[in-house]
């Protein structure tokens, strides 16, 4: 191979590496800045709510929710997870936080609340989740605490796990394996049941 060809390949490799690093830095900075900006918006929403009943407020929050806007914060104390929950599971929302699947219940409504996030960002710590772990959703409608029932790996076609339920449930979903490079072949699903609700 001639020196000119080799240098062209080397230069192209450096360019690709620089572009990939730049994209990674931009995506992380965008996520971090968005979390800070949207956290202020969430605090404003929480301060503005005054209705007495969590379920009624949850329906009001659903009506007022804007795609990509904040609807709450998820914390998993044992794992150190704390991230904003945004309305919708678009690529932009998932880059900036945890996405609430729009077809699922809102925190405070009866049914299954479905939340999704990337395995290499906001839900990376789910790799260590265990039955009994606490998961807390804080929204303008109240504070909703859940306890993990189970976590399992499923194929991507198991959308039935995101379907409505007759009772209150929380379902977290991310891609699997956690250390996979590229599109992951499976999904990691966590199911939790409510423990208590506190309204502001």
C-alpha atoms as a PDB file:
ATOM      1  CA  UNK A   1       0.000   0.000   0.000  1.00  0.00           C
ATOM      2  CA  UNK A   2       1.436   3.366  -0.978  1.00  0.00           C
ATOM      3  CA  UNK A   3       2.232   6.033   1.571  1.00  0.00           C
ATOM      4  CA  UNK A   4      -0.369   8.396   0.030  1.00  0.00           C
ATOM      5  CA  UNK A   5      -3.148   5.816   0.399  1.00  0.00           C
ATOM      6  CA  UNK A   6      -2.065   4.999   3.937  1.00  0.00           C
ATOM      7  CA  UNK A   7      -2.060   8.681   4.928  1.00  0.00           C
ATOM      8  CA  UNK A   8      -5.510   9.141   3.372  1.00  0.00           C
ATOM      9  CA  UNK A   9      -6.848   6.221   5.414  1.00  0.00           C
ATOM     10  CA  UNK A  10      -5.158   7.533   8.542  1.00  0.00           C
ATOM     11  CA  UNK A  11      -6.545  11.042   7.995  1.00  0.00           C
ATOM     12  CA  UNK A  12     -10.028   9.673   7.329  1.00  0.00           C
ATOM     13  CA  UNK A  13      -9.867   7.605  10.512  1.00  0.00           C
ATOM     14  CA  UNK A  14      -8.909  10.656  12.561  1.00  0.00           C
ATOM     15  CA  UNK A  15     -11.739  12.637  11.000  1.00  0.00           C
ATOM     16  CA  UNK A  16     -14.310   9.933  11.783  1.00  0.00           C
ATOM     17  CA  UNK A  17     -13.000   9.609  15.354  1.00  0.00           C
ATOM     18  CA  UNK A  18     -13.167  13.384  15.821  1.00  0.00           C
ATOM     19  CA  UNK A  19     -16.734  13.525  14.484  1.00  0.00           C
ATOM     20  CA  UNK A  20     -17.845  10.659  16.738  1.00  0.00           C
ATOM     21  CA  UNK A  21     -16.235  12.275  19.774  1.00  0.00           C
ATOM     22  CA  UNK A  22     -17.836  15.605  18.873  1.00  0.00           C
ATOM     23  CA  UNK A  23     -21.274  14.004  18.582  1.00  0.00           C
ATOM     24  CA  UNK A  24     -20.822  12.218  21.916  1.00  0.00           C
ATOM     25  CA  UNK A  25     -19.791  15.470  23.626  1.00  0.00           C
ATOM     26  CA  UNK A  26     -22.692  17.372  22.052  1.00  0.00           C
ATOM     27  CA  UNK A  27     -25.265  14.708  23.028  1.00  0.00           C
ATOM     28  CA  UNK A  28     -24.037  14.609  26.623  1.00  0.00           C
ATOM     29  CA  UNK A  29     -23.907  18.398  26.912  1.00  0.00           C
ATOM     30  CA  UNK A  30     -27.398  18.686  25.414  1.00  0.00           C
ATOM     31  CA  UNK A  31     -28.738  16.128  27.900  1.00  0.00           C
ATOM     32  CA  UNK A  32     -27.082  17.828  30.874  1.00  0.00           C
ATOM     33  CA  UNK A  33     -28.204  21.333  29.908  1.00  0.00           C
ATOM     34  CA  UNK A  34     -31.724  20.129  29.119  1.00  0.00           C
ATOM     35  CA  UNK A  35     -31.992  18.402  32.503  1.00  0.00           C
ATOM     36  CA  UNK A  36     -31.102  21.685  34.250  1.00  0.00           C
ATOM     37  CA  UNK A  37     -33.458  23.831  32.161  1.00  0.00           C
ATOM     38  CA  UNK A  38     -36.365  21.402  32.349  1.00  0.00           C
ATOM     39  CA  UNK A  39     -35.852  20.892  36.103  1.00  0.00           C
ATOM     40  CA  UNK A  40     -36.612  24.596  36.604  1.00  0.00           C
ATOM     41  CA  UNK A  41     -39.762  24.213  34.496  1.00  0.00           C
ATOM     42  CA  UNK A  42     -40.838  21.190  36.553  1.00  0.00           C
ATOM     43  CA  UNK A  43     -40.365  23.165  39.784  1.00  0.00           C
ATOM     44  CA  UNK A  44     -42.595  25.911  38.351  1.00  0.00           C
ATOM     45  CA  UNK A  45     -45.260  23.354  37.446  1.00  0.00           C
ATOM     46  CA  UNK A  46     -45.178  21.784  40.906  1.00  0.00           C
ATOM     47  CA  UNK A  47     -45.481  25.204  42.552  1.00  0.00           C
ATOM     48  CA  UNK A  48     -48.473  26.149  40.367  1.00  0.00           C
ATOM     49  CA  UNK A  49     -50.654  23.115  41.178  1.00  0.00           C
ATOM     50  CA  UNK A  50     -53.206  23.286  43.968  1.00  0.00           C
ATOM     51  CA  UNK A  51     -56.073  20.863  43.187  1.00  0.00           C
ATOM     52  CA  UNK A  52     -56.829  18.522  46.097  1.00  0.00           C
ATOM     53  CA  UNK A  53     -56.945  15.081  44.467  1.00  0.00           C
ATOM     54  CA  UNK A  54     -54.008  13.359  42.752  1.00  0.00           C
ATOM     55  CA  UNK A  55     -56.069  11.472  40.156  1.00  0.00           C
ATOM     56  CA  UNK A  56     -57.927  14.619  39.042  1.00  0.00           C
ATOM     57  CA  UNK A  57     -54.638  16.503  38.837  1.00  0.00           C
ATOM     58  CA  UNK A  58     -53.049  13.677  36.835  1.00  0.00           C
ATOM     59  CA  UNK A  59     -55.766  13.975  34.198  1.00  0.00           C
ATOM     60  CA  UNK A  60     -55.184  17.756  34.146  1.00  0.00           C
ATOM     61  CA  UNK A  61     -51.425  17.231  33.784  1.00  0.00           C
ATOM     62  CA  UNK A  62     -52.019  14.873  30.852  1.00  0.00           C
ATOM     63  CA  UNK A  63     -54.166  17.509  29.105  1.00  0.00           C
ATOM     64  CA  UNK A  64     -51.509  20.175  29.620  1.00  0.00           C
ATOM     65  CA  UNK A  65     -48.462  18.021  28.843  1.00  0.00           C
ATOM     66  CA  UNK A  66     -46.361  19.117  25.916  1.00  0.00           C
ATOM     67  CA  UNK A  67     -44.284  16.628  23.960  1.00  0.00           C
ATOM     68  CA  UNK A  68     -40.726  16.880  25.204  1.00  0.00           C
ATOM     69  CA  UNK A  69     -41.784  18.880  28.266  1.00  0.00           C
ATOM     70  CA  UNK A  70     -41.194  17.776  31.853  1.00  0.00           C
ATOM     71  CA  UNK A  71     -43.847  15.689  33.615  1.00  0.00           C
ATOM     72  CA  UNK A  72     -41.846  14.589  36.657  1.00  0.00           C
ATOM     73  CA  UNK A  73     -38.652  13.183  38.092  1.00  0.00           C
ATOM     74  CA  UNK A  74     -37.745   9.526  38.619  1.00  0.00           C
ATOM     75  CA  UNK A  75     -35.413   8.527  41.421  1.00  0.00           C
ATOM     76  CA  UNK A  76     -34.145   5.083  42.356  1.00  0.00           C
ATOM     77  CA  UNK A  77     -32.345   5.814  45.631  1.00  0.00           C
ATOM     78  CA  UNK A  78     -30.282   2.617  45.960  1.00  0.00           C
ATOM     79  CA  UNK A  79     -28.896   3.002  42.431  1.00  0.00           C
ATOM     80  CA  UNK A  80     -28.352   6.761  42.563  1.00  0.00           C
ATOM     81  CA  UNK A  81     -30.708   7.360  39.627  1.00  0.00           C
ATOM     82  CA  UNK A  82     -32.292  10.816  39.407  1.00  0.00           C
ATOM     83  CA  UNK A  83     -33.554  12.041  36.037  1.00  0.00           C
ATOM     84  CA  UNK A  84     -36.340  14.122  34.591  1.00  0.00           C
ATOM     85  CA  UNK A  85     -39.250  12.379  32.915  1.00  0.00           C
ATOM     86  CA  UNK A  86     -40.297  14.041  29.650  1.00  0.00           C
ATOM     87  CA  UNK A  87     -43.523  13.578  27.739  1.00  0.00           C
ATOM     88  CA  UNK A  88     -43.054  11.266  24.777  1.00  0.00           C
ATOM     89  CA  UNK A  89     -40.381   8.765  23.839  1.00  0.00           C
ATOM     90  CA  UNK A  90     -38.966  10.537  20.791  1.00  0.00           C
ATOM     91  CA  UNK A  91     -35.250  10.378  20.048  1.00  0.00           C
ATOM     92  CA  UNK A  92     -34.927  13.963  21.292  1.00  0.00           C
ATOM     93  CA  UNK A  93     -36.747  13.229  24.565  1.00  0.00           C
ATOM     94  CA  UNK A  94     -34.678  10.101  25.169  1.00  0.00           C
ATOM     95  CA  UNK A  95     -31.474  12.060  24.573  1.00  0.00           C
ATOM     96  CA  UNK A  96     -32.549  14.600  27.188  1.00  0.00           C
ATOM     97  CA  UNK A  97     -34.130  12.379  29.833  1.00  0.00           C
ATOM     98  CA  UNK A  98     -36.498   9.512  30.538  1.00  0.00           C
ATOM     99  CA  UNK A  99     -39.471   9.345  28.163  1.00  0.00           C
ATOM    100  CA  UNK A 100     -43.071   8.771  29.248  1.00  0.00           C
ATOM    101  CA  UNK A 101     -44.855   6.669  26.613  1.00  0.00           C
ATOM    102  CA  UNK A 102     -47.811   8.812  25.601  1.00  0.00           C
ATOM    103  CA  UNK A 103     -50.189   5.864  25.277  1.00  0.00           C
ATOM    104  CA  UNK A 104     -49.647   4.826  28.900  1.00  0.00           C
ATOM    105  CA  UNK A 105     -51.127   6.102  32.155  1.00  0.00           C
ATOM    106  CA  UNK A 106     -49.780   9.242  33.779  1.00  0.00           C
ATOM    107  CA  UNK A 107     -48.392   8.982  37.306  1.00  0.00           C
ATOM    108  CA  UNK A 108     -51.494   9.311  39.489  1.00  0.00           C
ATOM    109  CA  UNK A 109     -53.870   7.801  36.932  1.00  0.00           C
ATOM    110  CA  UNK A 110     -55.103   4.209  37.189  1.00  0.00           C
ATOM    111  CA  UNK A 111     -53.173   1.812  34.951  1.00  0.00           C
ATOM    112  CA  UNK A 112     -49.646   1.132  33.755  1.00  0.00           C
ATOM    113  CA  UNK A 113     -47.149   4.029  33.673  1.00  0.00           C
ATOM    114  CA  UNK A 114     -44.526   3.198  31.006  1.00  0.00           C
ATOM    115  CA  UNK A 115     -41.140   4.932  31.055  1.00  0.00           C
ATOM    116  CA  UNK A 116     -38.260   4.375  28.630  1.00  0.00           C
ATOM    117  CA  UNK A 117     -34.657   5.566  28.530  1.00  0.00           C
ATOM    118  CA  UNK A 118     -31.363   4.685  26.895  1.00  0.00           C
ATOM    119  CA  UNK A 119     -29.295   1.912  28.468  1.00  0.00           C
ATOM    120  CA  UNK A 120     -26.084   3.940  28.196  1.00  0.00           C
ATOM    121  CA  UNK A 121     -27.410   7.102  29.852  1.00  0.00           C
ATOM    122  CA  UNK A 122     -30.336   7.539  32.256  1.00  0.00           C
ATOM    123  CA  UNK A 123     -31.219   3.839  32.687  1.00  0.00           C
ATOM    124  CA  UNK A 124     -27.687   2.427  32.684  1.00  0.00           C
ATOM    125  CA  UNK A 125     -27.942   1.705  36.428  1.00  0.00           C
ATOM    126  CA  UNK A 126     -30.947  -0.589  35.873  1.00  0.00           C
ATOM    127  CA  UNK A 127     -28.388  -3.313  35.265  1.00  0.00           C
ATOM    128  CA  UNK A 128     -28.104  -3.576  39.085  1.00  0.00           C
ATOM    129  CA  UNK A 129     -31.798  -3.209  39.999  1.00  0.00           C
ATOM    130  CA  UNK A 130     -33.314  -5.867  42.243  1.00  0.00           C
ATOM    131  CA  UNK A 131     -36.758  -6.865  43.537  1.00  0.00           C
ATOM    132  CA  UNK A 132     -37.664  -4.694  46.511  1.00  0.00           C
ATOM    133  CA  UNK A 133     -35.835  -1.582  45.250  1.00  0.00           C
ATOM    134  CA  UNK A 134     -37.761   1.680  45.691  1.00  0.00           C
ATOM    135  CA  UNK A 135     -38.646   3.800  42.668  1.00  0.00           C
ATOM    136  CA  UNK A 136     -40.111   7.260  43.243  1.00  0.00           C
ATOM    137  CA  UNK A 137     -41.918   9.442  40.699  1.00  0.00           C
ATOM    138  CA  UNK A 138     -42.311  13.073  41.753  1.00  0.00           C
ATOM    139  CA  UNK A 139     -44.749  15.079  39.635  1.00  0.00           C
ATOM    140  CA  UNK A 140     -46.908  18.188  39.973  1.00  0.00           C
ATOM    141  CA  UNK A 141     -49.657  15.743  40.989  1.00  0.00           C
ATOM    142  CA  UNK A 142     -47.817  14.195  43.931  1.00  0.00           C
ATOM    143  CA  UNK A 143     -45.101  11.780  44.936  1.00  0.00           C
ATOM    144  CA  UNK A 144     -45.685   8.194  43.830  1.00  0.00           C
ATOM    145  CA  UNK A 145     -43.582   5.448  45.364  1.00  0.00           C
ATOM    146  CA  UNK A 146     -43.228   1.980  43.879  1.00  0.00           C
ATOM    147  CA  UNK A 147     -41.402  -1.198  44.849  1.00  0.00           C
ATOM    148  CA  UNK A 148     -39.782  -3.378  42.172  1.00  0.00           C
ATOM    149  CA  UNK A 149     -41.534  -6.741  41.675  1.00  0.00           C
ATOM    150  CA  UNK A 150     -39.276  -8.174  38.976  1.00  0.00           C
ATOM    151  CA  UNK A 151     -36.803  -7.396  36.206  1.00  0.00           C
ATOM    152  CA  UNK A 152     -36.233  -9.544  33.133  1.00  0.00           C
ATOM    153  CA  UNK A 153     -34.786  -9.639  29.641  1.00  0.00           C
ATOM    154  CA  UNK A 154     -37.375 -10.007  26.881  1.00  0.00           C
ATOM    155  CA  UNK A 155     -37.392  -9.899  23.069  1.00  0.00           C
ATOM    156  CA  UNK A 156     -38.331  -6.531  21.533  1.00  0.00           C
ATOM    157  CA  UNK A 157     -41.728  -7.824  20.378  1.00  0.00           C
ATOM    158  CA  UNK A 158     -43.001  -8.195  23.983  1.00  0.00           C
ATOM    159  CA  UNK A 159     -44.995  -4.976  23.767  1.00  0.00           C
ATOM    160  CA  UNK A 160     -47.721  -6.645  25.851  1.00  0.00           C
ATOM    161  CA  UNK A 161     -45.666  -5.695  28.918  1.00  0.00           C
ATOM    162  CA  UNK A 162     -46.375  -2.038  28.096  1.00  0.00           C
ATOM    163  CA  UNK A 163     -50.120  -2.599  27.692  1.00  0.00           C
ATOM    164  CA  UNK A 164     -52.686  -1.048  30.053  1.00  0.00           C
ATOM    165  CA  UNK A 165     -53.258  -2.871  33.327  1.00  0.00           C
ATOM    166  CA  UNK A 166     -56.293  -3.005  35.586  1.00  0.00           C
ATOM    167  CA  UNK A 167     -54.255  -1.861  38.565  1.00  0.00           C
ATOM    168  CA  UNK A 168     -51.601   0.783  39.105  1.00  0.00           C
ATOM    169  CA  UNK A 169     -48.188  -0.339  37.871  1.00  0.00           C
ATOM    170  CA  UNK A 170     -44.901   1.172  36.770  1.00  0.00           C
ATOM    171  CA  UNK A 171     -42.955  -0.339  33.876  1.00  0.00           C
ATOM    172  CA  UNK A 172     -39.411   0.737  33.001  1.00  0.00           C
ATOM    173  CA  UNK A 173     -37.882  -0.359  29.708  1.00  0.00           C
ATOM    174  CA  UNK A 174     -34.463   0.003  28.117  1.00  0.00           C
ATOM    175  CA  UNK A 175     -32.383  -1.863  25.562  1.00  0.00           C
ATOM    176  CA  UNK A 176     -30.293  -4.912  26.469  1.00  0.00           C
ATOM    177  CA  UNK A 177     -27.461  -5.930  26.834  1.00  0.00           C
ATOM    178  CA  UNK A 178     -26.263  -2.840  28.667  1.00  0.00           C
ATOM    179  CA  UNK A 179     -22.746  -3.003  27.199  1.00  0.00           C
ATOM    180  CA  UNK A 180     -23.873  -3.718  23.619  1.00  0.00           C
ATOM    181  CA  UNK A 181     -22.478  -1.511  20.858  1.00  0.00           C
ATOM    182  CA  UNK A 182     -25.044  -0.568  18.227  1.00  0.00           C
ATOM    183  CA  UNK A 183     -28.747  -1.487  18.137  1.00  0.00           C
ATOM    184  CA  UNK A 184     -29.375  -3.935  20.982  1.00  0.00           C
ATOM    185  CA  UNK A 185     -31.242  -7.177  20.242  1.00  0.00           C
ATOM    186  CA  UNK A 186     -33.354  -7.367  23.423  1.00  0.00           C
ATOM    187  CA  UNK A 187     -35.159  -5.267  26.011  1.00  0.00           C
ATOM    188  CA  UNK A 188     -34.718  -5.055  29.784  1.00  0.00           C
ATOM    189  CA  UNK A 189     -38.038  -4.555  31.548  1.00  0.00           C
ATOM    190  CA  UNK A 190     -38.664  -3.666  35.200  1.00  0.00           C
ATOM    191  CA  UNK A 191     -42.143  -3.937  36.744  1.00  0.00           C
ATOM    192  CA  UNK A 192     -43.014  -2.223  40.023  1.00  0.00           C
ATOM    193  CA  UNK A 193     -46.130  -1.917  42.193  1.00  0.00           C
ATOM    194  CA  UNK A 194     -47.267   1.171  44.120  1.00  0.00           C
ATOM    195  CA  UNK A 195     -46.413   1.546  47.780  1.00  0.00           C
ATOM    196  CA  UNK A 196     -47.800   4.941  48.694  1.00  0.00           C
ATOM    197  CA  UNK A 197     -48.882   8.256  47.241  1.00  0.00           C
ATOM    198  CA  UNK A 198     -48.277  11.682  48.732  1.00  0.00           C
ATOM    199  CA  UNK A 199     -49.936  14.737  47.254  1.00  0.00           C
ATOM    200  CA  UNK A 200     -48.450  18.203  47.743  1.00  0.00           C
END
